[in-house]
């Protein structure tokens, strides 16, 4: 099985956006902050979300907040993640 999942990037609004998506789509929402993962170098970054996932029966959405050295701007705010267990097919995409 192959999945094509969106990965959304925000400038500090990830938590609010993903909580909104959960209110509309339902599902389980999990997230990790930059501080929890040991990736924050500045106090103002520690509560930003490094990785989050919203999963329901038919959809998975990933999201993160950008940091100062990885600013999010129009054109780099959405990525697609292709995942699956068919290594040959996945390799063929690249």
PDB file of N, CA and C in Angstrom:
ATOM      1  N   UNK A   1       0.831  -1.172   0.000  1.00  0.00           N
ATOM      2  CA  UNK A   1       0.000   0.000   0.000  1.00  0.00           C
ATOM      3  C   UNK A   1       0.882   1.243   0.000  1.00  0.00           C
ATOM      4  N   UNK A   2       0.517   2.250  -0.773  1.00  0.00           N
ATOM      5  CA  UNK A   2       1.237   3.514  -0.830  1.00  0.00           C
ATOM      6  C   UNK A   2       0.331   4.639  -0.354  1.00  0.00           C
ATOM      7  N   UNK A   3       0.933   5.606   0.340  1.00  0.00           N
ATOM      8  CA  UNK A   3       0.196   6.774   0.807  1.00  0.00           C
ATOM      9  C   UNK A   3       0.909   8.030   0.364  1.00  0.00           C
ATOM     10  N   UNK A   4       0.148   9.018  -0.038  1.00  0.00           N
ATOM     11  CA  UNK A   4       0.669  10.333  -0.356  1.00  0.00           C
ATOM     12  C   UNK A   4       0.061  11.292   0.667  1.00  0.00           C
ATOM     13  N   UNK A   5       0.884  11.776   1.588  1.00  0.00           N
ATOM     14  CA  UNK A   5       0.391  12.567   2.713  1.00  0.00           C
ATOM     15  C   UNK A   5       0.962  13.978   2.674  1.00  0.00           C
ATOM     16  N   UNK A   6       0.135  14.995   2.980  1.00  0.00           N
ATOM     17  CA  UNK A   6       0.640  16.366   3.040  1.00  0.00           C
ATOM     18  C   UNK A   6       1.440  16.610   4.303  1.00  0.00           C
ATOM     19  N   UNK A   7       2.487  17.431   4.178  1.00  0.00           N
ATOM     20  CA  UNK A   7       3.287  17.897   5.315  1.00  0.00           C
ATOM     21  C   UNK A   7       3.241  19.412   5.254  1.00  0.00           C
ATOM     22  N   UNK A   8       2.528  20.023   6.201  1.00  0.00           N
ATOM     23  CA  UNK A   8       2.305  21.463   6.215  1.00  0.00           C
ATOM     24  C   UNK A   8       3.295  22.145   7.142  1.00  0.00           C
ATOM     25  N   UNK A   9       3.761  23.322   6.756  1.00  0.00           N
ATOM     26  CA  UNK A   9       4.717  24.080   7.562  1.00  0.00           C
ATOM     27  C   UNK A   9       4.124  25.439   7.919  1.00  0.00           C
ATOM     28  N   UNK A  10       4.341  25.857   9.157  1.00  0.00           N
ATOM     29  CA  UNK A  10       3.770  27.090   9.670  1.00  0.00           C
ATOM     30  C   UNK A  10       4.856  27.918  10.353  1.00  0.00           C
ATOM     31  N   UNK A  11       4.565  29.199  10.555  1.00  0.00           N
ATOM     32  CA  UNK A  11       5.444  30.095  11.304  1.00  0.00           C
ATOM     33  C   UNK A  11       4.862  30.343  12.690  1.00  0.00           C
ATOM     34  N   UNK A  12       4.769  29.284  13.482  1.00  0.00           N
ATOM     35  CA  UNK A  12       4.307  29.422  14.851  1.00  0.00           C
ATOM     36  C   UNK A  12       2.830  29.165  15.071  1.00  0.00           C
ATOM     37  N   UNK A  13       2.054  28.919  14.029  1.00  0.00           N
ATOM     38  CA  UNK A  13       0.620  28.693  14.183  1.00  0.00           C
ATOM     39  C   UNK A  13       0.229  27.229  14.013  1.00  0.00           C
ATOM     40  N   UNK A  14       1.184  26.342  14.011  1.00  0.00           N
ATOM     41  CA  UNK A  14       0.928  24.931  13.757  1.00  0.00           C
ATOM     42  C   UNK A  14      -0.072  24.359  14.734  1.00  0.00           C
ATOM     43  N   UNK A  15       0.103  24.633  16.004  1.00  0.00           N
ATOM     44  CA  UNK A  15      -0.773  24.055  17.024  1.00  0.00           C
ATOM     45  C   UNK A  15      -2.235  24.442  16.755  1.00  0.00           C
ATOM     46  N   UNK A  16      -2.488  25.731  16.531  1.00  0.00           N
ATOM     47  CA  UNK A  16      -3.851  26.194  16.279  1.00  0.00           C
ATOM     48  C   UNK A  16      -4.424  25.593  14.997  1.00  0.00           C
ATOM     49  N   UNK A  17      -3.619  25.534  13.956  1.00  0.00           N
ATOM     50  CA  UNK A  17      -4.089  24.984  12.683  1.00  0.00           C
ATOM     51  C   UNK A  17      -4.451  23.510  12.817  1.00  0.00           C
ATOM     52  N   UNK A  18      -3.574  22.730  13.431  1.00  0.00           N
ATOM     53  CA  UNK A  18      -3.841  21.297  13.544  1.00  0.00           C
ATOM     54  C   UNK A  18      -5.011  21.015  14.485  1.00  0.00           C
ATOM     55  N   UNK A  19      -5.183  21.817  15.517  1.00  0.00           N
ATOM     56  CA  UNK A  19      -6.351  21.639  16.391  1.00  0.00           C
ATOM     57  C   UNK A  19      -7.631  21.964  15.633  1.00  0.00           C
ATOM     58  N   UNK A  20      -7.580  22.947  14.736  1.00  0.00           N
ATOM     59  CA  UNK A  20      -8.737  23.236  13.882  1.00  0.00           C
ATOM     60  C   UNK A  20      -9.025  22.050  12.960  1.00  0.00           C
ATOM     61  N   UNK A  21      -7.990  21.529  12.301  1.00  0.00           N
ATOM     62  CA  UNK A  21      -8.197  20.381  11.409  1.00  0.00           C
ATOM     63  C   UNK A  21      -8.778  19.198  12.173  1.00  0.00           C
ATOM     64  N   UNK A  22      -8.310  18.973  13.396  1.00  0.00           N
ATOM     65  CA  UNK A  22      -8.861  17.878  14.205  1.00  0.00           C
ATOM     66  C   UNK A  22     -10.332  18.139  14.524  1.00  0.00           C
ATOM     67  N   UNK A  23     -10.716  19.376  14.791  1.00  0.00           N
ATOM     68  CA  UNK A  23     -12.112  19.686  15.096  1.00  0.00           C
ATOM     69  C   UNK A  23     -13.020  19.414  13.905  1.00  0.00           C
ATOM     70  N   UNK A  24     -12.486  19.559  12.707  1.00  0.00           N
ATOM     71  CA  UNK A  24     -13.271  19.319  11.488  1.00  0.00           C
ATOM     72  C   UNK A  24     -13.218  17.856  11.059  1.00  0.00           C
ATOM     73  N   UNK A  25     -12.022  17.263  11.065  1.00  0.00           N
ATOM     74  CA  UNK A  25     -11.809  15.931  10.514  1.00  0.00           C
ATOM     75  C   UNK A  25     -11.840  14.821  11.562  1.00  0.00           C
ATOM     76  N   UNK A  26     -11.729  15.178  12.835  1.00  0.00           N
ATOM     77  CA  UNK A  26     -11.624  14.164  13.878  1.00  0.00           C
ATOM     78  C   UNK A  26     -10.245  13.536  13.841  1.00  0.00           C
ATOM     79  N   UNK A  27     -10.058  12.505  14.617  1.00  0.00           N
ATOM     80  CA  UNK A  27      -8.796  11.775  14.605  1.00  0.00           C
ATOM     81  C   UNK A  27      -7.948  12.051  15.829  1.00  0.00           C
ATOM     82  N   UNK A  28      -6.772  11.448  15.810  1.00  0.00           N
ATOM     83  CA  UNK A  28      -5.824  11.530  16.917  1.00  0.00           C
ATOM     84  C   UNK A  28      -4.726  12.505  16.541  1.00  0.00           C
ATOM     85  N   UNK A  29      -4.451  13.480  17.411  1.00  0.00           N
ATOM     86  CA  UNK A  29      -3.439  14.500  17.156  1.00  0.00           C
ATOM     87  C   UNK A  29      -2.298  14.337  18.145  1.00  0.00           C
ATOM     88  N   UNK A  30      -1.079  14.239  17.614  1.00  0.00           N
ATOM     89  CA  UNK A  30       0.119  14.124  18.449  1.00  0.00           C
ATOM     90  C   UNK A  30       1.139  15.139  17.953  1.00  0.00           C
ATOM     91  N   UNK A  31       1.945  15.642  18.880  1.00  0.00           N
ATOM     92  CA  UNK A  31       2.986  16.575  18.476  1.00  0.00           C
ATOM     93  C   UNK A  31       4.145  16.556  19.451  1.00  0.00           C
ATOM     94  N   UNK A  32       5.308  17.023  18.954  1.00  0.00           N
ATOM     95  CA  UNK A  32       6.527  17.153  19.755  1.00  0.00           C
ATOM     96  C   UNK A  32       7.077  18.545  19.543  1.00  0.00           C
ATOM     97  N   UNK A  33       7.475  19.198  20.621  1.00  0.00           N
ATOM     98  CA  UNK A  33       8.061  20.531  20.503  1.00  0.00           C
ATOM     99  C   UNK A  33       9.560  20.418  20.230  1.00  0.00           C
ATOM    100  N   UNK A  34      10.139  21.530  19.793  1.00  0.00           N
ATOM    101  CA  UNK A  34      11.593  21.561  19.584  1.00  0.00           C
ATOM    102  C   UNK A  34      12.325  21.307  20.898  1.00  0.00           C
ATOM    103  N   UNK A  35      11.771  21.785  22.016  1.00  0.00           N
ATOM    104  CA  UNK A  35      12.406  21.554  23.313  1.00  0.00           C
ATOM    105  C   UNK A  35      12.379  20.073  23.677  1.00  0.00           C
ATOM    106  N   UNK A  36      11.236  19.407  23.482  1.00  0.00           N
ATOM    107  CA  UNK A  36      11.113  17.986  23.830  1.00  0.00           C
ATOM    108  C   UNK A  36      12.085  17.114  23.046  1.00  0.00           C
ATOM    109  N   UNK A  37      12.414  17.539  21.840  1.00  0.00           N
ATOM    110  CA  UNK A  37      13.308  16.747  20.995  1.00  0.00           C
ATOM    111  C   UNK A  37      14.758  17.215  21.079  1.00  0.00           C
ATOM    112  N   UNK A  38      15.022  18.220  21.937  1.00  0.00           N
ATOM    113  CA  UNK A  38      16.385  18.717  22.094  1.00  0.00           C
ATOM    114  C   UNK A  38      16.871  19.559  20.933  1.00  0.00           C
ATOM    115  N   UNK A  39      15.950  20.097  20.124  1.00  0.00           N
ATOM    116  CA  UNK A  39      16.335  20.844  18.932  1.00  0.00           C
ATOM    117  C   UNK A  39      16.252  22.356  19.095  1.00  0.00           C
ATOM    118  N   UNK A  40      15.805  22.856  20.257  1.00  0.00           N
ATOM    119  CA  UNK A  40      15.685  24.307  20.414  1.00  0.00           C
ATOM    120  C   UNK A  40      17.002  24.891  20.916  1.00  0.00           C
ATOM    121  N   UNK A  41      17.461  25.924  20.234  1.00  0.00           N
ATOM    122  CA  UNK A  41      18.682  26.615  20.641  1.00  0.00           C
ATOM    123  C   UNK A  41      18.345  27.942  21.307  1.00  0.00           C
ATOM    124  N   UNK A  42      17.121  28.405  21.121  1.00  0.00           N
ATOM    125  CA  UNK A  42      16.687  29.689  21.662  1.00  0.00           C
ATOM    126  C   UNK A  42      15.398  29.490  22.453  1.00  0.00           C
ATOM    127  N   UNK A  43      15.229  30.280  23.512  1.00  0.00           N
ATOM    128  CA  UNK A  43      14.029  30.168  24.344  1.00  0.00           C
ATOM    129  C   UNK A  43      12.748  30.378  23.551  1.00  0.00           C
ATOM    130  N   UNK A  44      12.765  31.306  22.586  1.00  0.00           N
ATOM    131  CA  UNK A  44      11.552  31.600  21.823  1.00  0.00           C
ATOM    132  C   UNK A  44      11.161  30.458  20.878  1.00  0.00           C
ATOM    133  N   UNK A  45      12.043  29.492  20.672  1.00  0.00           N
ATOM    134  CA  UNK A  45      11.742  28.352  19.796  1.00  0.00           C
ATOM    135  C   UNK A  45      11.285  27.112  20.557  1.00  0.00           C
ATOM    136  N   UNK A  46      11.473  27.080  21.863  1.00  0.00           N
ATOM    137  CA  UNK A  46      11.276  25.841  22.603  1.00  0.00           C
ATOM    138  C   UNK A  46       9.857  25.295  22.533  1.00  0.00           C
ATOM    139  N   UNK A  47       8.839  26.154  22.414  1.00  0.00           N
ATOM    140  CA  UNK A  47       7.461  25.677  22.360  1.00  0.00           C
ATOM    141  C   UNK A  47       6.922  25.540  20.942  1.00  0.00           C
ATOM    142  N   UNK A  48       7.730  25.856  19.948  1.00  0.00           N
ATOM    143  CA  UNK A  48       7.316  25.623  18.560  1.00  0.00           C
ATOM    144  C   UNK A  48       7.247  24.123  18.320  1.00  0.00           C
ATOM    145  N   UNK A  49       6.419  23.729  17.376  1.00  0.00           N
ATOM    146  CA  UNK A  49       6.208  22.310  17.106  1.00  0.00           C
ATOM    147  C   UNK A  49       7.191  21.827  16.045  1.00  0.00           C
ATOM    148  N   UNK A  50       8.012  20.844  16.416  1.00  0.00           N
ATOM    149  CA  UNK A  50       8.957  20.263  15.470  1.00  0.00           C
ATOM    150  C   UNK A  50       8.263  19.267  14.547  1.00  0.00           C
ATOM    151  N   UNK A  51       7.342  18.482  15.093  1.00  0.00           N
ATOM    152  CA  UNK A  51       6.649  17.474  14.301  1.00  0.00           C
ATOM    153  C   UNK A  51       5.287  17.204  14.916  1.00  0.00           C
ATOM    154  N   UNK A  52       4.277  17.112  14.066  1.00  0.00           N
ATOM    155  CA  UNK A  52       2.956  16.721  14.534  1.00  0.00           C
ATOM    156  C   UNK A  52       2.301  15.847  13.473  1.00  0.00           C
ATOM    157  N   UNK A  53       1.340  15.057  13.929  1.00  0.00           N
ATOM    158  CA  UNK A  53       0.605  14.193  13.017  1.00  0.00           C
ATOM    159  C   UNK A  53      -0.846  14.135  13.476  1.00  0.00           C
ATOM    160  N   UNK A  54      -1.740  14.281  12.505  1.00  0.00           N
ATOM    161  CA  UNK A  54      -3.169  14.104  12.719  1.00  0.00           C
ATOM    162  C   UNK A  54      -3.587  12.919  11.864  1.00  0.00           C
ATOM    163  N   UNK A  55      -4.133  11.903  12.507  1.00  0.00           N
ATOM    164  CA  UNK A  55      -4.499  10.675  11.808  1.00  0.00           C
ATOM    165  C   UNK A  55      -5.940  10.326  12.114  1.00  0.00           C
ATOM    166  N   UNK A  56      -6.694  10.038  11.049  1.00  0.00           N
ATOM    167  CA  UNK A  56      -8.027   9.476  11.233  1.00  0.00           C
ATOM    168  C   UNK A  56      -8.136   8.237  10.346  1.00  0.00           C
ATOM    169  N   UNK A  57      -9.322   7.753  10.107  1.00  0.00           N
ATOM    170  CA  UNK A  57      -9.487   6.502   9.362  1.00  0.00           C
ATOM    171  C   UNK A  57      -9.088   6.590   7.890  1.00  0.00           C
ATOM    172  N   UNK A  58      -9.021   7.790   7.335  1.00  0.00           N
ATOM    173  CA  UNK A  58      -8.771   7.906   5.899  1.00  0.00           C
ATOM    174  C   UNK A  58      -7.681   8.904   5.521  1.00  0.00           C
ATOM    175  N   UNK A  59      -7.092   9.598   6.485  1.00  0.00           N
ATOM    176  CA  UNK A  59      -6.181  10.680   6.158  1.00  0.00           C
ATOM    177  C   UNK A  59      -5.108  10.828   7.232  1.00  0.00           C
ATOM    178  N   UNK A  60      -3.910  11.177   6.801  1.00  0.00           N
ATOM    179  CA  UNK A  60      -2.825  11.537   7.706  1.00  0.00           C
ATOM    180  C   UNK A  60      -2.276  12.882   7.247  1.00  0.00           C
ATOM    181  N   UNK A  61      -2.182  13.832   8.182  1.00  0.00           N
ATOM    182  CA  UNK A  61      -1.599  15.143   7.887  1.00  0.00           C
ATOM    183  C   UNK A  61      -0.442  15.353   8.859  1.00  0.00           C
ATOM    184  N   UNK A  62       0.708  15.700   8.317  1.00  0.00           N
ATOM    185  CA  UNK A  62       1.878  16.026   9.125  1.00  0.00           C
ATOM    186  C   UNK A  62       2.054  17.548   9.111  1.00  0.00           C
ATOM    187  N   UNK A  63       2.647  18.098  10.165  1.00  0.00           N
ATOM    188  CA  UNK A  63       2.879  19.543  10.191  1.00  0.00           C
ATOM    189  C   UNK A  63       4.008  19.880  11.156  1.00  0.00           C
ATOM    190  N   UNK A  64       4.589  21.059  10.941  1.00  0.00           N
ATOM    191  CA  UNK A  64       5.663  21.555  11.802  1.00  0.00           C
ATOM    192  C   UNK A  64       5.693  23.073  11.731  1.00  0.00           C
ATOM    193  N   UNK A  65       6.347  23.676  12.732  1.00  0.00           N
ATOM    194  CA  UNK A  65       6.623  25.102  12.710  1.00  0.00           C
ATOM    195  C   UNK A  65       8.040  25.310  12.204  1.00  0.00           C
ATOM    196  N   UNK A  66       8.237  26.343  11.406  1.00  0.00           N
ATOM    197  CA  UNK A  66       9.574  26.710  10.986  1.00  0.00           C
ATOM    198  C   UNK A  66      10.287  27.438  12.117  1.00  0.00           C
ATOM    199  N   UNK A  67      11.603  27.500  12.029  1.00  0.00           N
ATOM    200  CA  UNK A  67      12.406  28.246  12.997  1.00  0.00           C
ATOM    201  C   UNK A  67      13.119  29.373  12.257  1.00  0.00           C
ATOM    202  N   UNK A  68      13.860  30.167  13.004  1.00  0.00           N
ATOM    203  CA  UNK A  68      14.525  31.323  12.403  1.00  0.00           C
ATOM    204  C   UNK A  68      15.377  30.934  11.193  1.00  0.00           C
ATOM    205  N   UNK A  69      16.155  29.863  11.314  1.00  0.00           N
ATOM    206  CA  UNK A  69      17.011  29.452  10.190  1.00  0.00           C
ATOM    207  C   UNK A  69      16.263  28.670   9.116  1.00  0.00           C
ATOM    208  N   UNK A  70      15.003  28.348   9.371  1.00  0.00           N
ATOM    209  CA  UNK A  70      14.168  27.628   8.390  1.00  0.00           C
ATOM    210  C   UNK A  70      12.823  28.330   8.285  1.00  0.00           C
ATOM    211  N   UNK A  71      12.841  29.574   7.854  1.00  0.00           N
ATOM    212  CA  UNK A  71      11.612  30.358   7.730  1.00  0.00           C
ATOM    213  C   UNK A  71      10.680  29.734   6.701  1.00  0.00           C
ATOM    214  N   UNK A  72       9.409  29.777   7.012  1.00  0.00           N
ATOM    215  CA  UNK A  72       8.378  29.282   6.108  1.00  0.00           C
ATOM    216  C   UNK A  72       7.828  30.475   5.334  1.00  0.00           C
ATOM    217  N   UNK A  73       7.758  30.351   4.038  1.00  0.00           N
ATOM    218  CA  UNK A  73       7.201  31.419   3.210  1.00  0.00           C
ATOM    219  C   UNK A  73       6.365  30.800   2.105  1.00  0.00           C
ATOM    220  N   UNK A  74       5.588  31.636   1.438  1.00  0.00           N
ATOM    221  CA  UNK A  74       4.760  31.153   0.339  1.00  0.00           C
ATOM    222  C   UNK A  74       5.636  30.407  -0.652  1.00  0.00           C
ATOM    223  N   UNK A  75       5.259  29.200  -0.981  1.00  0.00           N
ATOM    224  CA  UNK A  75       6.017  28.382  -1.925  1.00  0.00           C
ATOM    225  C   UNK A  75       6.791  27.258  -1.272  1.00  0.00           C
ATOM    226  N   UNK A  76       7.066  27.352   0.040  1.00  0.00           N
ATOM    227  CA  UNK A  76       7.758  26.248   0.703  1.00  0.00           C
ATOM    228  C   UNK A  76       6.993  25.764   1.942  1.00  0.00           C
ATOM    229  N   UNK A  77       5.688  26.018   1.965  1.00  0.00           N
ATOM    230  CA  UNK A  77       4.905  25.691   3.157  1.00  0.00           C
ATOM    231  C   UNK A  77       4.193  24.344   3.077  1.00  0.00           C
ATOM    232  N   UNK A  78       4.216  23.685   1.932  1.00  0.00           N
ATOM    233  CA  UNK A  78       3.576  22.376   1.788  1.00  0.00           C
ATOM    234  C   UNK A  78       4.538  21.416   1.098  1.00  0.00           C
ATOM    235  N   UNK A  79       4.697  20.249   1.682  1.00  0.00           N
ATOM    236  CA  UNK A  79       5.487  19.179   1.084  1.00  0.00           C
ATOM    237  C   UNK A  79       4.605  17.940   1.022  1.00  0.00           C
ATOM    238  N   UNK A  80       4.959  17.006   0.203  1.00  0.00           N
ATOM    239  CA  UNK A  80       4.228  15.749   0.125  1.00  0.00           C
ATOM    240  C   UNK A  80       5.141  14.611   0.547  1.00  0.00           C
ATOM    241  N   UNK A  81       4.604  13.718   1.336  1.00  0.00           N
ATOM    242  CA  UNK A  81       5.348  12.562   1.825  1.00  0.00           C
ATOM    243  C   UNK A  81       4.758  11.303   1.205  1.00  0.00           C
ATOM    244  N   UNK A  82       5.563  10.580   0.454  1.00  0.00           N
ATOM    245  CA  UNK A  82       5.134   9.310  -0.128  1.00  0.00           C
ATOM    246  C   UNK A  82       5.680   8.196   0.753  1.00  0.00           C
ATOM    247  N   UNK A  83       4.785   7.370   1.267  1.00  0.00           N
ATOM    248  CA  UNK A  83       5.178   6.286   2.164  1.00  0.00           C
ATOM    249  C   UNK A  83       4.509   4.992   1.741  1.00  0.00           C
ATOM    250  N   UNK A  84       5.135   3.884   2.056  1.00  0.00           N
ATOM    251  CA  UNK A  84       4.537   2.599   1.747  1.00  0.00           C
ATOM    252  C   UNK A  84       5.501   1.465   1.986  1.00  0.00           C
ATOM    253  N   UNK A  85       5.047   0.281   1.637  1.00  0.00           N
ATOM    254  CA  UNK A  85       5.862  -0.908   1.861  1.00  0.00           C
ATOM    255  C   UNK A  85       6.383  -1.536   0.570  1.00  0.00           C
ATOM    256  N   UNK A  86       6.123  -0.908  -0.575  1.00  0.00           N
ATOM    257  CA  UNK A  86       6.611  -1.403  -1.862  1.00  0.00           C
ATOM    258  C   UNK A  86       7.883  -0.626  -2.224  1.00  0.00           C
ATOM    259  N   UNK A  87       9.037  -1.128  -1.742  1.00  0.00           N
ATOM    260  CA  UNK A  87      10.299  -0.404  -1.910  1.00  0.00           C
ATOM    261  C   UNK A  87      10.628  -0.154  -3.382  1.00  0.00           C
ATOM    262  N   UNK A  88      10.378  -1.121  -4.237  1.00  0.00           N
ATOM    263  CA  UNK A  88      10.693  -0.964  -5.657  1.00  0.00           C
ATOM    264  C   UNK A  88       9.879   0.153  -6.273  1.00  0.00           C
ATOM    265  N   UNK A  89       8.588   0.193  -5.986  1.00  0.00           N
ATOM    266  CA  UNK A  89       7.728   1.246  -6.538  1.00  0.00           C
ATOM    267  C   UNK A  89       8.125   2.612  -5.984  1.00  0.00           C
ATOM    268  N   UNK A  90       8.381   2.688  -4.675  1.00  0.00           N
ATOM    269  CA  UNK A  90       8.780   3.954  -4.062  1.00  0.00           C
ATOM    270  C   UNK A  90      10.094   4.445  -4.658  1.00  0.00           C
ATOM    271  N   UNK A  91      11.067   3.557  -4.836  1.00  0.00           N
ATOM    272  CA  UNK A  91      12.357   3.919  -5.420  1.00  0.00           C
ATOM    273  C   UNK A  91      12.159   4.411  -6.857  1.00  0.00           C
ATOM    274  N   UNK A  92      11.243   3.805  -7.568  1.00  0.00           N
ATOM    275  CA  UNK A  92      10.964   4.193  -8.942  1.00  0.00           C
ATOM    276  C   UNK A  92      10.458   5.626  -9.081  1.00  0.00           C
ATOM    277  N   UNK A  93       9.782   6.121  -8.056  1.00  0.00           N
ATOM    278  CA  UNK A  93       9.309   7.498  -8.103  1.00  0.00           C
ATOM    279  C   UNK A  93      10.459   8.488  -8.136  1.00  0.00           C
ATOM    280  N   UNK A  94      11.589   8.093  -7.572  1.00  0.00           N
ATOM    281  CA  UNK A  94      12.721   9.000  -7.503  1.00  0.00           C
ATOM    282  C   UNK A  94      13.738   8.687  -8.571  1.00  0.00           C
TER     283      UNK A  94
END
